[in-house]
Amino acid sequence: MPNVGPWEIILLLLLALLLFGAKRLPEIGRSMGRGLREFKDSVGGKDDHDEPAELPVTTTPAETPARERDTVS
């Protein structure tokens, strides 16, 4: 595998700038970073859906307004 030196990196960056333009490069970088982060999380086993679900709020008769207590019997 050939070594990649500083001149090759500069050439690749200039080529990317010419192909995509200065306005799209930050957007492309953000989307690549987001994709790499999601890939890393999926390989590492991290998942946003692992959080425990919140328990539903239940009301006691003391917290229920008087007009609802009278109709619910």
PDB file of N, CA and C in Angstrom:
ATOM      1  N   MET A   1       0.857  -1.167   0.000  1.00  0.00           N
ATOM      2  CA  MET A   1       0.000   0.000   0.000  1.00  0.00           C
ATOM      3  C   MET A   1       0.908   1.236   0.000  1.00  0.00           C
ATOM      4  N   PRO A   2       0.680   2.160  -0.906  1.00  0.00           N
ATOM      5  CA  PRO A   2       1.556   3.328  -0.999  1.00  0.00           C
ATOM      6  C   PRO A   2       1.331   4.292   0.167  1.00  0.00           C
ATOM      7  N   ASN A   3       2.368   5.017   0.480  1.00  0.00           N
ATOM      8  CA  ASN A   3       2.288   6.041   1.523  1.00  0.00           C
ATOM      9  C   ASN A   3       1.594   7.279   0.975  1.00  0.00           C
ATOM     10  N   VAL A   4       0.756   7.889   1.798  1.00  0.00           N
ATOM     11  CA  VAL A   4       0.080   9.120   1.407  1.00  0.00           C
ATOM     12  C   VAL A   4       0.777  10.263   2.138  1.00  0.00           C
ATOM     13  N   GLY A   5       1.386  11.142   1.379  1.00  0.00           N
ATOM     14  CA  GLY A   5       2.126  12.261   1.947  1.00  0.00           C
ATOM     15  C   GLY A   5       1.281  13.518   2.000  1.00  0.00           C
ATOM     16  N   PRO A   6       1.864  14.603   2.472  1.00  0.00           N
ATOM     17  CA  PRO A   6       1.119  15.864   2.597  1.00  0.00           C
ATOM     18  C   PRO A   6       0.688  16.429   1.241  1.00  0.00           C
ATOM     19  N   TRP A   7       1.482  16.222   0.185  1.00  0.00           N
ATOM     20  CA  TRP A   7       1.101  16.747  -1.129  1.00  0.00           C
ATOM     21  C   TRP A   7      -0.130  16.036  -1.674  1.00  0.00           C
ATOM     22  N   GLU A   8      -0.237  14.744  -1.426  1.00  0.00           N
ATOM     23  CA  GLU A   8      -1.413  14.001  -1.896  1.00  0.00           C
ATOM     24  C   GLU A   8      -2.670  14.435  -1.148  1.00  0.00           C
ATOM     25  N   ILE A   9      -2.527  14.689   0.150  1.00  0.00           N
ATOM     26  CA  ILE A   9      -3.676  15.143   0.948  1.00  0.00           C
ATOM     27  C   ILE A   9      -4.131  16.520   0.469  1.00  0.00           C
ATOM     28  N   ILE A  10      -3.193  17.414   0.216  1.00  0.00           N
ATOM     29  CA  ILE A  10      -3.533  18.758  -0.288  1.00  0.00           C
ATOM     30  C   ILE A  10      -4.230  18.649  -1.644  1.00  0.00           C
ATOM     31  N   LEU A  11      -3.720  17.780  -2.494  1.00  0.00           N
ATOM     32  CA  LEU A  11      -4.331  17.582  -3.814  1.00  0.00           C
ATOM     33  C   LEU A  11      -5.758  17.054  -3.688  1.00  0.00           C
ATOM     34  N   LEU A  12      -5.990  16.110  -2.782  1.00  0.00           N
ATOM     35  CA  LEU A  12      -7.340  15.578  -2.574  1.00  0.00           C
ATOM     36  C   LEU A  12      -8.288  16.644  -2.022  1.00  0.00           C
ATOM     37  N   LEU A  13      -7.798  17.473  -1.106  1.00  0.00           N
ATOM     38  CA  LEU A  13      -8.637  18.544  -0.564  1.00  0.00           C
ATOM     39  C   LEU A  13      -8.998  19.575  -1.625  1.00  0.00           C
ATOM     40  N   LEU A  14      -8.045  19.932  -2.470  1.00  0.00           N
ATOM     41  CA  LEU A  14      -8.341  20.867  -3.560  1.00  0.00           C
ATOM     42  C   LEU A  14      -9.321  20.264  -4.555  1.00  0.00           C
ATOM     43  N   LEU A  15      -9.184  18.984  -4.841  1.00  0.00           N
ATOM     44  CA  LEU A  15     -10.106  18.314  -5.750  1.00  0.00           C
ATOM     45  C   LEU A  15     -11.521  18.279  -5.165  1.00  0.00           C
ATOM     46  N   ALA A  16     -11.636  18.003  -3.878  1.00  0.00           N
ATOM     47  CA  ALA A  16     -12.944  18.012  -3.222  1.00  0.00           C
ATOM     48  C   ALA A  16     -13.555  19.409  -3.250  1.00  0.00           C
ATOM     49  N   LEU A  17     -12.724  20.434  -3.039  1.00  0.00           N
ATOM     50  CA  LEU A  17     -13.210  21.813  -3.080  1.00  0.00           C
ATOM     51  C   LEU A  17     -13.734  22.167  -4.463  1.00  0.00           C
ATOM     52  N   LEU A  18     -13.037  21.721  -5.504  1.00  0.00           N
ATOM     53  CA  LEU A  18     -13.488  21.999  -6.868  1.00  0.00           C
ATOM     54  C   LEU A  18     -14.752  21.225  -7.228  1.00  0.00           C
ATOM     55  N   LEU A  19     -14.849  19.982  -6.780  1.00  0.00           N
ATOM     56  CA  LEU A  19     -16.012  19.164  -7.130  1.00  0.00           C
ATOM     57  C   LEU A  19     -17.281  19.600  -6.410  1.00  0.00           C
ATOM     58  N   PHE A  20     -17.178  19.858  -5.108  1.00  0.00           N
ATOM     59  CA  PHE A  20     -18.382  20.108  -4.313  1.00  0.00           C
ATOM     60  C   PHE A  20     -18.626  21.570  -4.017  1.00  0.00           C
ATOM     61  N   GLY A  21     -17.625  22.405  -4.052  1.00  0.00           N
ATOM     62  CA  GLY A  21     -17.803  23.819  -3.746  1.00  0.00           C
ATOM     63  C   GLY A  21     -17.651  24.093  -2.262  1.00  0.00           C
ATOM     64  N   ALA A  22     -17.374  25.345  -1.955  1.00  0.00           N
ATOM     65  CA  ALA A  22     -17.120  25.731  -0.566  1.00  0.00           C
ATOM     66  C   ALA A  22     -18.372  25.666   0.297  1.00  0.00           C
ATOM     67  N   LYS A  23     -19.557  25.826  -0.298  1.00  0.00           N
ATOM     68  CA  LYS A  23     -20.789  25.824   0.489  1.00  0.00           C
ATOM     69  C   LYS A  23     -21.202  24.429   0.921  1.00  0.00           C
ATOM     70  N   ARG A  24     -20.905  23.417   0.116  1.00  0.00           N
ATOM     71  CA  ARG A  24     -21.358  22.060   0.439  1.00  0.00           C
ATOM     72  C   ARG A  24     -20.372  21.269   1.274  1.00  0.00           C
ATOM     73  N   LEU A  25     -19.100  21.675   1.334  1.00  0.00           N
ATOM     74  CA  LEU A  25     -18.111  20.905   2.086  1.00  0.00           C
ATOM     75  C   LEU A  25     -18.438  20.776   3.575  1.00  0.00           C
ATOM     76  N   PRO A  26     -18.854  21.847   4.287  1.00  0.00           N
ATOM     77  CA  PRO A  26     -19.215  21.660   5.705  1.00  0.00           C
ATOM     78  C   PRO A  26     -20.400  20.712   5.889  1.00  0.00           C
ATOM     79  N   GLU A  27     -21.376  20.794   4.996  1.00  0.00           N
ATOM     80  CA  GLU A  27     -22.535  19.899   5.067  1.00  0.00           C
ATOM     81  C   GLU A  27     -22.113  18.442   4.869  1.00  0.00           C
ATOM     82  N   ILE A  28     -21.222  18.204   3.922  1.00  0.00           N
ATOM     83  CA  ILE A  28     -20.732  16.847   3.669  1.00  0.00           C
ATOM     84  C   ILE A  28     -19.937  16.344   4.873  1.00  0.00           C
ATOM     85  N   GLY A  29     -19.125  17.195   5.465  1.00  0.00           N
ATOM     86  CA  GLY A  29     -18.354  16.809   6.648  1.00  0.00           C
ATOM     87  C   GLY A  29     -19.241  16.452   7.826  1.00  0.00           C
ATOM     88  N   ARG A  30     -20.300  17.250   8.040  1.00  0.00           N
ATOM     89  CA  ARG A  30     -21.229  16.955   9.132  1.00  0.00           C
ATOM     90  C   ARG A  30     -21.941  15.632   8.911  1.00  0.00           C
ATOM     91  N   SER A  31     -22.400  15.392   7.687  1.00  0.00           N
ATOM     92  CA  SER A  31     -23.124  14.146   7.426  1.00  0.00           C
ATOM     93  C   SER A  31     -22.197  12.935   7.537  1.00  0.00           C
ATOM     94  N   MET A  32     -20.932  13.082   7.122  1.00  0.00           N
ATOM     95  CA  MET A  32     -19.980  11.978   7.277  1.00  0.00           C
ATOM     96  C   MET A  32     -19.688  11.720   8.753  1.00  0.00           C
ATOM     97  N   GLY A  33     -19.534  12.775   9.542  1.00  0.00           N
ATOM     98  CA  GLY A  33     -19.299  12.615  10.977  1.00  0.00           C
ATOM     99  C   GLY A  33     -20.473  11.969  11.674  1.00  0.00           C
ATOM    100  N   ARG A  34     -21.699  12.378  11.300  1.00  0.00           N
ATOM    101  CA  ARG A  34     -22.900  11.789  11.888  1.00  0.00           C
ATOM    102  C   ARG A  34     -22.991  10.309  11.544  1.00  0.00           C
ATOM    103  N   GLY A  35     -22.679   9.967  10.298  1.00  0.00           N
ATOM    104  CA  GLY A  35     -22.722   8.572   9.875  1.00  0.00           C
ATOM    105  C   GLY A  35     -21.686   7.727  10.592  1.00  0.00           C
ATOM    106  N   LEU A  36     -20.466   8.263  10.739  1.00  0.00           N
ATOM    107  CA  LEU A  36     -19.426   7.529  11.466  1.00  0.00           C
ATOM    108  C   LEU A  36     -19.792   7.345  12.934  1.00  0.00           C
ATOM    109  N   ARG A  37     -20.406   8.366  13.538  1.00  0.00           N
ATOM    110  CA  ARG A  37     -20.816   8.264  14.937  1.00  0.00           C
ATOM    111  C   ARG A  37     -21.905   7.204  15.108  1.00  0.00           C
ATOM    112  N   GLU A  38     -22.880   7.168  14.191  1.00  0.00           N
ATOM    113  CA  GLU A  38     -23.922   6.150  14.258  1.00  0.00           C
ATOM    114  C   GLU A  38     -23.336   4.761  14.064  1.00  0.00           C
ATOM    115  N   PHE A  39     -22.378   4.631  13.149  1.00  0.00           N
ATOM    116  CA  PHE A  39     -21.732   3.344  12.919  1.00  0.00           C
ATOM    117  C   PHE A  39     -20.980   2.896  14.174  1.00  0.00           C
ATOM    118  N   LYS A  40     -20.248   3.813  14.787  1.00  0.00           N
ATOM    119  CA  LYS A  40     -19.494   3.490  15.994  1.00  0.00           C
ATOM    120  C   LYS A  40     -20.428   3.072  17.125  1.00  0.00           C
ATOM    121  N   ASP A  41     -21.552   3.780  17.284  1.00  0.00           N
ATOM    122  CA  ASP A  41     -22.514   3.430  18.320  1.00  0.00           C
ATOM    123  C   ASP A  41     -23.148   2.065  18.067  1.00  0.00           C
ATOM    124  N   SER A  42     -23.429   1.752  16.816  1.00  0.00           N
ATOM    125  CA  SER A  42     -24.052   0.462  16.517  1.00  0.00           C
ATOM    126  C   SER A  42     -23.070  -0.681  16.712  1.00  0.00           C
ATOM    127  N   VAL A  43     -21.792  -0.465  16.397  1.00  0.00           N
ATOM    128  CA  VAL A  43     -20.787  -1.508  16.599  1.00  0.00           C
ATOM    129  C   VAL A  43     -20.513  -1.679  18.093  1.00  0.00           C
ATOM    130  N   GLY A  44     -20.508  -0.588  18.828  1.00  0.00           N
ATOM    131  CA  GLY A  44     -20.230  -0.625  20.260  1.00  0.00           C
ATOM    132  C   GLY A  44     -21.397  -1.117  21.083  1.00  0.00           C
ATOM    133  N   GLY A  45     -22.557  -1.268  20.489  1.00  0.00           N
ATOM    134  CA  GLY A  45     -23.723  -1.760  21.210  1.00  0.00           C
ATOM    135  C   GLY A  45     -24.532  -0.681  21.883  1.00  0.00           C
ATOM    136  N   LYS A  46     -24.155   0.574  21.718  1.00  0.00           N
ATOM    137  CA  LYS A  46     -24.937   1.655  22.304  1.00  0.00           C
ATOM    138  C   LYS A  46     -26.195   1.850  21.473  1.00  0.00           C
ATOM    139  N   ASP A  47     -27.310   2.115  22.178  1.00  0.00           N
ATOM    140  CA  ASP A  47     -28.565   2.319  21.475  1.00  0.00           C
ATOM    141  C   ASP A  47     -29.404   3.299  22.280  1.00  0.00           C
ATOM    142  N   ASP A  48     -30.002   4.263  21.613  1.00  0.00           N
ATOM    143  CA  ASP A  48     -30.840   5.243  22.296  1.00  0.00           C
ATOM    144  C   ASP A  48     -32.119   4.615  22.842  1.00  0.00           C
ATOM    145  N   HIS A  49     -32.509   3.463  22.309  1.00  0.00           N
ATOM    146  CA  HIS A  49     -33.755   2.831  22.712  1.00  0.00           C
ATOM    147  C   HIS A  49     -33.590   1.963  23.952  1.00  0.00           C
ATOM    148  N   ASP A  50     -32.397   1.931  24.563  1.00  0.00           N
ATOM    149  CA  ASP A  50     -32.153   1.122  25.745  1.00  0.00           C
ATOM    150  C   ASP A  50     -32.601   1.808  27.028  1.00  0.00           C
ATOM    151  N   GLU A  51     -33.039   3.052  26.949  1.00  0.00           N
ATOM    152  CA  GLU A  51     -33.460   3.776  28.141  1.00  0.00           C
ATOM    153  C   GLU A  51     -34.779   3.189  28.643  1.00  0.00           C
ATOM    154  N   PRO A  52     -34.943   3.077  29.959  1.00  0.00           N
ATOM    155  CA  PRO A  52     -36.194   2.519  30.479  1.00  0.00           C
ATOM    156  C   PRO A  52     -37.363   3.455  30.206  1.00  0.00           C
ATOM    157  N   ALA A  53     -38.499   2.873  29.956  1.00  0.00           N
ATOM    158  CA  ALA A  53     -39.691   3.669  29.675  1.00  0.00           C
ATOM    159  C   ALA A  53     -40.184   4.319  30.962  1.00  0.00           C
ATOM    160  N   GLU A  54     -40.761   5.506  30.823  1.00  0.00           N
ATOM    161  CA  GLU A  54     -41.295   6.192  31.989  1.00  0.00           C
ATOM    162  C   GLU A  54     -42.622   5.562  32.384  1.00  0.00           C
ATOM    163  N   LEU A  55     -42.876   5.523  33.680  1.00  0.00           N
ATOM    164  CA  LEU A  55     -44.133   4.982  34.171  1.00  0.00           C
ATOM    165  C   LEU A  55     -45.241   6.000  33.934  1.00  0.00           C
ATOM    166  N   PRO A  56     -46.456   5.529  33.619  1.00  0.00           N
ATOM    167  CA  PRO A  56     -47.564   6.477  33.413  1.00  0.00           C
ATOM    168  C   PRO A  56     -47.958   7.118  34.742  1.00  0.00           C
ATOM    169  N   VAL A  57     -48.382   8.348  34.642  1.00  0.00           N
ATOM    170  CA  VAL A  57     -48.788   9.083  35.830  1.00  0.00           C
ATOM    171  C   VAL A  57     -50.205   8.671  36.185  1.00  0.00           C
ATOM    172  N   THR A  58     -50.398   8.230  37.428  1.00  0.00           N
ATOM    173  CA  THR A  58     -51.738   7.858  37.882  1.00  0.00           C
ATOM    174  C   THR A  58     -52.175   8.880  38.919  1.00  0.00           C
ATOM    175  N   THR A  59     -53.464   9.158  38.932  1.00  0.00           N
ATOM    176  CA  THR A  59     -53.993  10.116  39.897  1.00  0.00           C
ATOM    177  C   THR A  59     -54.733   9.365  40.980  1.00  0.00           C
ATOM    178  N   THR A  60     -54.606   9.850  42.174  1.00  0.00           N
ATOM    179  CA  THR A  60     -55.345   9.271  43.295  1.00  0.00           C
ATOM    180  C   THR A  60     -56.627  10.063  43.465  1.00  0.00           C
ATOM    181  N   PRO A  61     -57.592   9.517  44.184  1.00  0.00           N
ATOM    182  CA  PRO A  61     -58.854  10.266  44.374  1.00  0.00           C
ATOM    183  C   PRO A  61     -58.643  11.641  44.996  1.00  0.00           C
ATOM    184  N   ALA A  62     -57.623  11.818  45.814  1.00  0.00           N
ATOM    185  CA  ALA A  62     -57.380  13.126  46.429  1.00  0.00           C
ATOM    186  C   ALA A  62     -56.911  14.137  45.393  1.00  0.00           C
ATOM    187  N   GLU A  63     -56.255  13.669  44.318  1.00  0.00           N
ATOM    188  CA  GLU A  63     -55.773  14.582  43.288  1.00  0.00           C
ATOM    189  C   GLU A  63     -56.825  14.852  42.220  1.00  0.00           C
ATOM    190  N   THR A  64     -57.859  14.037  42.145  1.00  0.00           N
ATOM    191  CA  THR A  64     -58.896  14.191  41.142  1.00  0.00           C
ATOM    192  C   THR A  64     -59.809  15.344  41.539  1.00  0.00           C
ATOM    193  N   PRO A  65     -60.114  16.255  40.612  1.00  0.00           N
ATOM    194  CA  PRO A  65     -61.023  17.367  40.934  1.00  0.00           C
ATOM    195  C   PRO A  65     -62.391  16.849  41.378  1.00  0.00           C
ATOM    196  N   ALA A  66     -63.089  17.657  42.148  1.00  0.00           N
ATOM    197  CA  ALA A  66     -64.358  17.257  42.753  1.00  0.00           C
ATOM    198  C   ALA A  66     -65.404  16.904  41.702  1.00  0.00           C
ATOM    199  N   ARG A  67     -65.497  17.644  40.616  1.00  0.00           N
ATOM    200  CA  ARG A  67     -66.539  17.364  39.632  1.00  0.00           C
ATOM    201  C   ARG A  67     -66.295  16.030  38.920  1.00  0.00           C
ATOM    202  N   GLU A  68     -65.022  15.599  38.771  1.00  0.00           N
ATOM    203  CA  GLU A  68     -64.734  14.305  38.174  1.00  0.00           C
ATOM    204  C   GLU A  68     -65.012  13.181  39.153  1.00  0.00           C
ATOM    205  N   ARG A  69     -64.786  13.424  40.468  1.00  0.00           N
ATOM    206  CA  ARG A  69     -65.051  12.392  41.460  1.00  0.00           C
ATOM    207  C   ARG A  69     -66.547  12.094  41.551  1.00  0.00           C
ATOM    208  N   ASP A  70     -67.364  13.123  41.372  1.00  0.00           N
ATOM    209  CA  ASP A  70     -68.805  12.935  41.477  1.00  0.00           C
ATOM    210  C   ASP A  70     -69.342  12.137  40.301  1.00  0.00           C
ATOM    211  N   THR A  71     -68.766  12.327  39.096  1.00  0.00           N
ATOM    212  CA  THR A  71     -69.285  11.625  37.932  1.00  0.00           C
ATOM    213  C   THR A  71     -68.708  10.225  37.808  1.00  0.00           C
ATOM    214  N   VAL A  72     -67.540   9.970  38.350  1.00  0.00           N
ATOM    215  CA  VAL A  72     -66.913   8.648  38.268  1.00  0.00           C
ATOM    216  C   VAL A  72     -67.257   7.882  39.528  1.00  0.00           C
ATOM    217  N   SER A  73     -68.123   6.904  39.405  1.00  0.00           N
ATOM    218  CA  SER A  73     -68.500   6.121  40.584  1.00  0.00           C
ATOM    219  C   SER A  73     -68.524   4.668  40.264  1.00  0.00           C
TER     220      SER A  73
END
